[in-house]
Amino acid sequence: MGAEQKNEAFKLENLFNVKGKVALITGGGSGIGLMATQALAVNGAKVYITGRTKEKLTRVAELYGKNIPGEIIPVAADITSKAEIQKLVDEVSARESKLDILINNAGISGETQDTDAQGAEPLSAALFRDEKATFEQWESLYRTNVAQLFFTTTAFLPLLQKASEAQRGWSATVINISSISGLVKNAQHHFPYNASKAAAVHLTKMLAQEVASSGLRIRVNNIAPGVFPSEMTAGGSDDAQKSSLEKDKYEGKVPAARPGKDEDMANAVLFATTNQYVNGQTIVVDGGYLLAAGTL
């Protein structure tokens, strides 16, 4: 191979090539899921997006699926149910011979608590006697933020392995969207959410280890975002399924002095998807938040 041919491999369209790849993104109708959807579909991938609300998914396909090299295909499903996950596997399998990319993005945040109370009695009252603090709340968060990552990933392993076998030099990839909330040492006013995200980070490592030790060529990584505009952080979205955050609120709190942009997340998704040498890792995209907050 000559020098000119070797140079070809370093072109952006080859380094981050997702043309013709088949992807599935949970929670792809807004926020980070939509950012990932656009990153892949605009660059030539066929992207199935799933969530509970078919109307939201259909709107994303209509708005962002026009005049692009790839496709956006809505498929409604509740991925907190094993039966629904199996239906999703069956539907994708009926349409596709393989799945190159699985992005487990769906998640919920839950209620916040007053963690600033001083003294044993006030802190106990805020954390234990709070009527919103229940076992059911913890279970709900773990069901969506942790258990569904496990069940969705393991359900799609056969289709993911087929993608690795179909193309030399390509290993199918699973990307779990966790959070820097699973890496910081404080509760940020929501113990259950942060604990669930820490569990998601560790689950990613365990899945990566067990999948690799089983002889499968499937990479499992997680992206831990800082503050990005989403329905979870902004409280809603506009007619284009996009959310916004005020930049001024983050000056002095994040070294980048702003929340994350869509393009920041898109770049991370393309990297995690295409870099064949990254496995079992946490890719932090936070504008330097952890530098200020400190980690575990």
Protein backbone atom coordinates (compact mmCIF):
# COMPACT_ATOMS: atom_id res chain seq x y z
CA MET A 1 0.00 0.00 0.00
CA GLY A 2 1.44 3.36 -1.08
CA ALA A 3 1.61 6.53 0.97
CA GLU A 4 -1.36 8.09 -0.86
CA GLN A 5 -3.54 5.08 -0.10
CA LYS A 6 -2.47 5.18 3.54
CA ASN A 7 -3.41 8.86 3.71
CA GLU A 8 -6.96 8.00 2.62
CA ALA A 9 -7.58 6.26 5.93
CA PHE A 10 -6.98 9.54 7.75
CA LYS A 11 -9.74 11.46 5.97
CA LEU A 12 -12.65 12.44 8.20
CA GLU A 13 -15.16 10.55 6.07
CA ASN A 14 -13.17 7.37 6.68
CA LEU A 15 -12.23 7.91 10.32
CA PHE A 16 -15.85 8.54 11.30
CA ASN A 17 -17.59 6.52 8.60
CA VAL A 18 -21.10 5.34 9.54
CA LYS A 19 -22.54 5.16 6.02
CA GLY A 20 -24.87 2.20 5.65
CA LYS A 21 -24.71 1.32 9.35
CA VAL A 22 -27.88 0.29 11.15
CA ALA A 23 -28.50 1.88 14.54
CA LEU A 24 -31.11 1.76 17.27
CA ILE A 25 -31.43 4.63 19.76
CA THR A 26 -33.72 4.46 22.76
CA GLY A 27 -35.22 7.78 23.79
CA GLY A 28 -34.31 9.12 20.36
CA GLY A 29 -37.15 11.64 20.23
CA SER A 30 -35.48 14.51 22.11
CA GLY A 31 -32.43 15.68 24.03
CA ILE A 32 -29.24 13.66 23.79
CA GLY A 33 -31.04 10.84 21.99
CA LEU A 34 -32.01 13.22 19.21
CA MET A 35 -28.46 14.59 19.05
CA ALA A 36 -27.18 11.05 18.56
CA THR A 37 -29.88 10.35 15.98
CA GLN A 38 -28.88 13.37 13.92
CA ALA A 39 -25.16 12.61 14.23
CA LEU A 40 -25.64 9.16 12.72
CA ALA A 41 -28.46 9.75 10.22
CA VAL A 42 -26.96 12.92 8.73
CA ASN A 43 -23.80 10.91 8.06
CA GLY A 44 -25.53 8.06 6.26
CA ALA A 45 -26.74 5.61 8.91
CA LYS A 46 -30.20 4.07 9.06
CA VAL A 47 -31.41 4.96 12.55
CA TYR A 48 -34.34 3.35 14.33
CA ILE A 49 -35.54 5.55 17.19
CA THR A 50 -37.72 4.23 19.95
CA GLY A 51 -39.68 5.66 22.86
CA ARG A 52 -43.13 5.46 24.39
CA THR A 53 -44.70 8.28 22.36
CA LYS A 54 -45.13 7.44 18.67
CA GLU A 55 -46.14 11.02 17.80
CA LYS A 56 -42.88 12.44 19.14
CA LEU A 57 -40.83 9.87 17.21
CA THR A 58 -42.78 10.47 14.01
CA ARG A 59 -42.23 14.20 14.32
CA VAL A 60 -38.47 13.69 14.63
CA ALA A 61 -38.47 11.57 11.47
CA GLU A 62 -40.47 14.22 9.62
CA LEU A 63 -38.33 17.14 10.80
CA TYR A 64 -34.84 15.67 10.65
CA GLY A 65 -35.16 12.82 8.16
CA LYS A 66 -35.52 14.93 5.01
CA ASN A 67 -32.75 15.37 2.44
CA ILE A 68 -30.11 13.46 4.40
CA PRO A 69 -27.94 10.49 3.34
CA GLY A 70 -29.38 8.26 6.07
CA GLU A 71 -32.84 7.45 7.42
CA ILE A 72 -34.76 7.95 10.65
CA ILE A 73 -37.36 5.28 11.37
CA PRO A 74 -39.72 5.59 14.37
CA VAL A 75 -40.68 2.47 16.34
CA ALA A 76 -42.66 2.95 19.55
CA ALA A 77 -41.72 0.73 22.50
CA ASP A 78 -41.49 0.77 26.29
CA ILE A 79 -38.01 -0.55 27.03
CA THR A 80 -38.77 -1.01 30.75
CA SER A 81 -40.65 -4.19 29.79
CA LYS A 82 -38.93 -7.41 28.69
CA ALA A 83 -41.90 -8.25 26.49
CA GLU A 84 -41.67 -4.86 24.77
CA ILE A 85 -37.91 -5.25 24.31
CA GLN A 86 -38.47 -8.64 22.68
CA LYS A 87 -41.09 -7.12 20.35
CA LEU A 88 -38.52 -4.46 19.43
CA VAL A 89 -35.90 -7.12 18.70
CA ASP A 90 -38.40 -8.99 16.55
CA GLU A 91 -39.36 -5.87 14.61
CA VAL A 92 -35.77 -4.82 13.91
CA SER A 93 -34.81 -8.41 13.04
CA ALA A 94 -37.67 -8.61 10.55
CA ARG A 95 -36.28 -5.55 8.75
CA GLU A 96 -32.53 -5.92 9.22
CA SER A 97 -29.97 -8.73 9.10
CA LYS A 98 -27.73 -6.99 11.66
CA LEU A 99 -27.49 -4.10 14.11
CA ASP A 100 -24.25 -2.12 14.02
CA ILE A 101 -24.96 0.42 16.75
CA LEU A 102 -27.12 0.33 19.88
CA ILE A 103 -27.39 3.51 21.94
CA ASN A 104 -29.19 3.07 25.26
CA ASN A 105 -30.17 6.64 25.96
CA ALA A 106 -33.59 6.49 27.64
CA GLY A 107 -33.59 7.63 31.26
CA ILE A 108 -35.50 9.50 33.95
CA SER A 109 -34.39 11.86 36.73
CA GLY A 110 -36.93 11.54 39.54
CA GLU A 111 -37.65 13.94 42.39
CA THR A 112 -35.10 16.18 44.08
CA GLN A 113 -34.46 16.45 47.83
CA ASP A 114 -33.05 19.04 50.22
CA THR A 115 -29.52 17.82 50.88
CA ASP A 116 -28.38 21.13 52.39
CA ALA A 117 -30.09 20.72 55.75
CA GLN A 118 -27.73 21.07 58.73
CA GLY A 119 -27.94 18.79 61.76
CA ALA A 120 -29.07 15.22 62.23
CA GLU A 121 -32.78 15.87 62.76
CA PRO A 122 -33.24 18.32 59.84
CA LEU A 123 -31.24 16.11 57.47
CA SER A 124 -33.15 13.00 58.51
CA ALA A 125 -36.41 14.85 58.01
CA ALA A 126 -35.39 16.02 54.55
CA LEU A 127 -34.17 12.64 53.36
CA PHE A 128 -36.25 10.07 55.23
CA ARG A 129 -39.54 11.72 56.20
CA ASP A 130 -39.97 13.37 52.80
CA GLU A 131 -43.18 11.84 51.38
CA LYS A 132 -41.70 11.84 47.88
CA ALA A 133 -38.80 9.66 49.02
CA THR A 134 -40.05 6.10 48.62
CA PHE A 135 -38.75 2.66 47.78
CA GLU A 136 -40.93 2.84 44.66
CA GLN A 137 -39.08 5.96 43.52
CA TRP A 138 -35.72 4.19 43.79
CA GLU A 139 -37.07 1.11 42.05
CA SER A 140 -38.51 3.15 39.19
CA LEU A 141 -35.22 4.94 38.60
CA TYR A 142 -33.22 1.72 38.64
CA ARG A 143 -35.71 0.03 36.33
CA THR A 144 -35.27 2.72 33.68
CA ASN A 145 -31.70 3.89 34.22
CA VAL A 146 -30.02 0.56 34.94
CA ALA A 147 -32.09 -2.60 34.37
CA GLN A 148 -33.26 -1.60 30.90
CA LEU A 149 -29.63 -1.06 29.82
CA PHE A 150 -28.92 -4.66 30.77
CA PHE A 151 -32.01 -6.20 29.18
CA THR A 152 -31.92 -4.15 25.97
CA THR A 153 -28.23 -4.85 25.42
CA THR A 154 -28.43 -8.57 26.10
CA ALA A 155 -31.55 -8.96 23.95
CA PHE A 156 -29.78 -7.47 20.94
CA LEU A 157 -26.47 -9.37 21.30
CA PRO A 158 -27.19 -11.83 18.42
CA LEU A 159 -28.05 -9.04 15.99
CA LEU A 160 -25.02 -7.00 17.13
CA GLN A 161 -22.68 -9.97 16.70
CA LYS A 162 -23.98 -10.47 13.16
CA ALA A 163 -22.88 -6.92 12.37
CA SER A 164 -19.35 -7.66 13.58
CA GLU A 165 -19.22 -10.83 11.51
CA ALA A 166 -20.51 -9.05 8.39
CA GLN A 167 -17.63 -6.59 8.03
CA ARG A 168 -13.96 -7.14 8.62
CA GLY A 169 -12.42 -4.49 10.86
CA TRP A 170 -15.76 -3.45 12.34
CA SER A 171 -17.00 -4.38 15.80
CA ALA A 172 -20.60 -3.58 16.65
CA THR A 173 -20.94 -1.11 19.46
CA VAL A 174 -23.19 -0.49 22.45
CA ILE A 175 -23.15 3.02 23.92
CA ASN A 176 -24.88 3.58 27.24
CA ILE A 177 -25.68 7.19 28.04
CA SER A 178 -24.90 7.54 31.74
CA SER A 179 -24.07 10.87 33.41
CA ILE A 180 -21.37 12.69 35.31
CA SER A 181 -23.89 12.42 38.17
CA GLY A 182 -22.69 8.83 38.49
CA LEU A 183 -19.10 10.02 38.90
CA VAL A 184 -19.33 12.98 41.29
CA LYS A 185 -19.03 12.54 45.05
CA ASN A 186 -22.05 14.65 46.03
CA ALA A 187 -25.73 13.80 45.62
CA GLN A 188 -26.70 16.93 43.64
CA HIS A 189 -30.06 16.84 45.47
CA HIS A 190 -31.06 13.47 44.03
CA PHE A 191 -29.55 10.39 45.69
CA PRO A 192 -31.51 7.79 43.67
CA TYR A 193 -30.63 9.33 40.29
CA ASN A 194 -26.91 9.64 41.03
CA ALA A 195 -26.78 6.14 42.46
CA SER A 196 -28.53 4.77 39.37
CA LYS A 197 -26.08 6.51 37.06
CA ALA A 198 -23.13 5.16 39.04
CA ALA A 199 -24.67 1.72 38.63
CA ALA A 200 -25.00 2.34 34.87
CA VAL A 201 -21.29 3.16 34.65
CA HIS A 202 -20.34 -0.03 36.46
CA LEU A 203 -22.85 -2.11 34.51
CA THR A 204 -21.18 -0.90 31.31
CA LYS A 205 -17.82 -2.22 32.49
CA MET A 206 -19.31 -5.56 33.54
CA LEU A 207 -21.11 -5.97 30.22
CA ALA A 208 -17.98 -5.09 28.28
CA GLN A 209 -15.99 -7.67 30.26
CA GLU A 210 -18.53 -10.48 30.03
CA VAL A 211 -19.30 -9.89 26.35
CA ALA A 212 -15.60 -9.91 25.47
CA SER A 213 -14.88 -12.98 27.60
CA SER A 214 -17.69 -14.79 25.79
CA GLY A 215 -15.80 -14.37 22.52
CA LEU A 216 -18.10 -11.74 21.01
CA ARG A 217 -16.70 -8.81 19.05
CA ILE A 218 -19.05 -6.20 20.48
CA ARG A 219 -17.70 -3.10 22.19
CA VAL A 220 -19.59 -1.68 25.17
CA ASN A 221 -18.83 1.87 26.33
CA ASN A 222 -20.68 4.68 28.02
CA ILE A 223 -20.81 8.41 27.48
CA ALA A 224 -21.15 10.44 30.68
CA PRO A 225 -22.57 13.84 29.70
CA GLY A 226 -22.45 16.95 31.79
CA VAL A 227 -25.25 19.48 31.42
CA PHE A 228 -26.83 19.32 27.97
CA PRO A 229 -30.17 20.78 26.89
CA SER A 230 -32.88 18.13 27.17
CA GLU A 231 -36.40 17.73 28.46
CA MET A 232 -34.87 16.45 31.70
CA THR A 233 -32.61 19.47 32.30
CA ALA A 234 -34.70 22.21 30.68
CA GLY A 235 -38.13 20.94 31.70
CA GLY A 236 -39.48 20.67 28.16
CA SER A 237 -38.81 21.04 24.45
CA ASP A 238 -40.01 23.22 21.58
CA ASP A 239 -41.90 22.35 18.40
CA ALA A 240 -38.69 21.01 16.89
CA GLN A 241 -38.19 18.63 19.85
CA LYS A 242 -35.22 20.71 21.00
CA SER A 243 -34.54 22.14 24.47
CA SER A 244 -32.48 25.14 25.53
CA LEU A 245 -30.54 26.27 28.61
CA GLU A 246 -29.32 29.73 29.52
CA LYS A 247 -25.58 30.09 29.10
CA ASP A 248 -25.24 32.64 31.91
CA LYS A 249 -26.25 30.11 34.57
CA TYR A 250 -23.10 28.06 33.96
CA GLU A 251 -20.48 30.80 34.03
CA GLY A 252 -18.32 30.14 37.08
CA LYS A 253 -19.78 26.64 37.54
CA VAL A 254 -18.25 24.89 34.53
CA PRO A 255 -14.78 25.69 33.11
CA ALA A 256 -16.35 25.86 29.64
CA ALA A 257 -18.73 28.53 31.03
CA ARG A 258 -21.68 27.08 29.12
CA PRO A 259 -23.88 23.99 28.81
CA GLY A 260 -23.04 21.42 26.16
CA LYS A 261 -24.02 21.95 22.54
CA ASP A 262 -25.63 19.43 20.21
CA GLU A 263 -22.40 19.29 18.22
CA ASP A 264 -20.36 18.41 21.33
CA MET A 265 -22.48 15.33 21.90
CA ALA A 266 -22.61 14.43 18.20
CA ASN A 267 -18.82 14.44 18.08
CA ALA A 268 -18.61 12.13 21.11
CA VAL A 269 -21.18 9.73 19.64
CA LEU A 270 -19.31 9.46 16.34
CA PHE A 271 -16.04 8.86 18.19
CA ALA A 272 -17.45 6.15 20.46
CA THR A 273 -19.21 4.54 17.51
CA THR A 274 -16.28 4.36 15.10
CA ASN A 275 -13.17 3.99 17.24
CA GLN A 276 -12.59 0.25 17.17
CA TYR A 277 -10.01 0.35 19.96
CA VAL A 278 -12.22 1.76 22.72
CA ASN A 279 -14.01 -0.79 24.90
CA GLY A 280 -15.32 -0.77 28.46
CA GLN A 281 -14.64 2.94 28.86
CA THR A 282 -16.44 6.00 30.19
CA ILE A 283 -16.18 8.97 27.84
CA VAL A 284 -16.83 12.13 29.85
CA VAL A 285 -18.22 15.11 27.91
CA ASP A 286 -18.84 17.76 30.55
CA GLY A 287 -17.08 21.02 29.73
CA GLY A 288 -14.73 20.37 32.65
CA TYR A 289 -17.48 20.05 35.28
CA LEU A 290 -15.73 17.17 37.06
CA LEU A 291 -12.60 19.29 37.43
CA ALA A 292 -14.63 21.68 39.56
CA ALA A 293 -16.91 19.23 41.33
CA GLY A 294 -14.48 16.43 42.09
CA THR A 295 -15.01 12.72 41.44
CA LEU A 296 -15.34 9.54 43.45
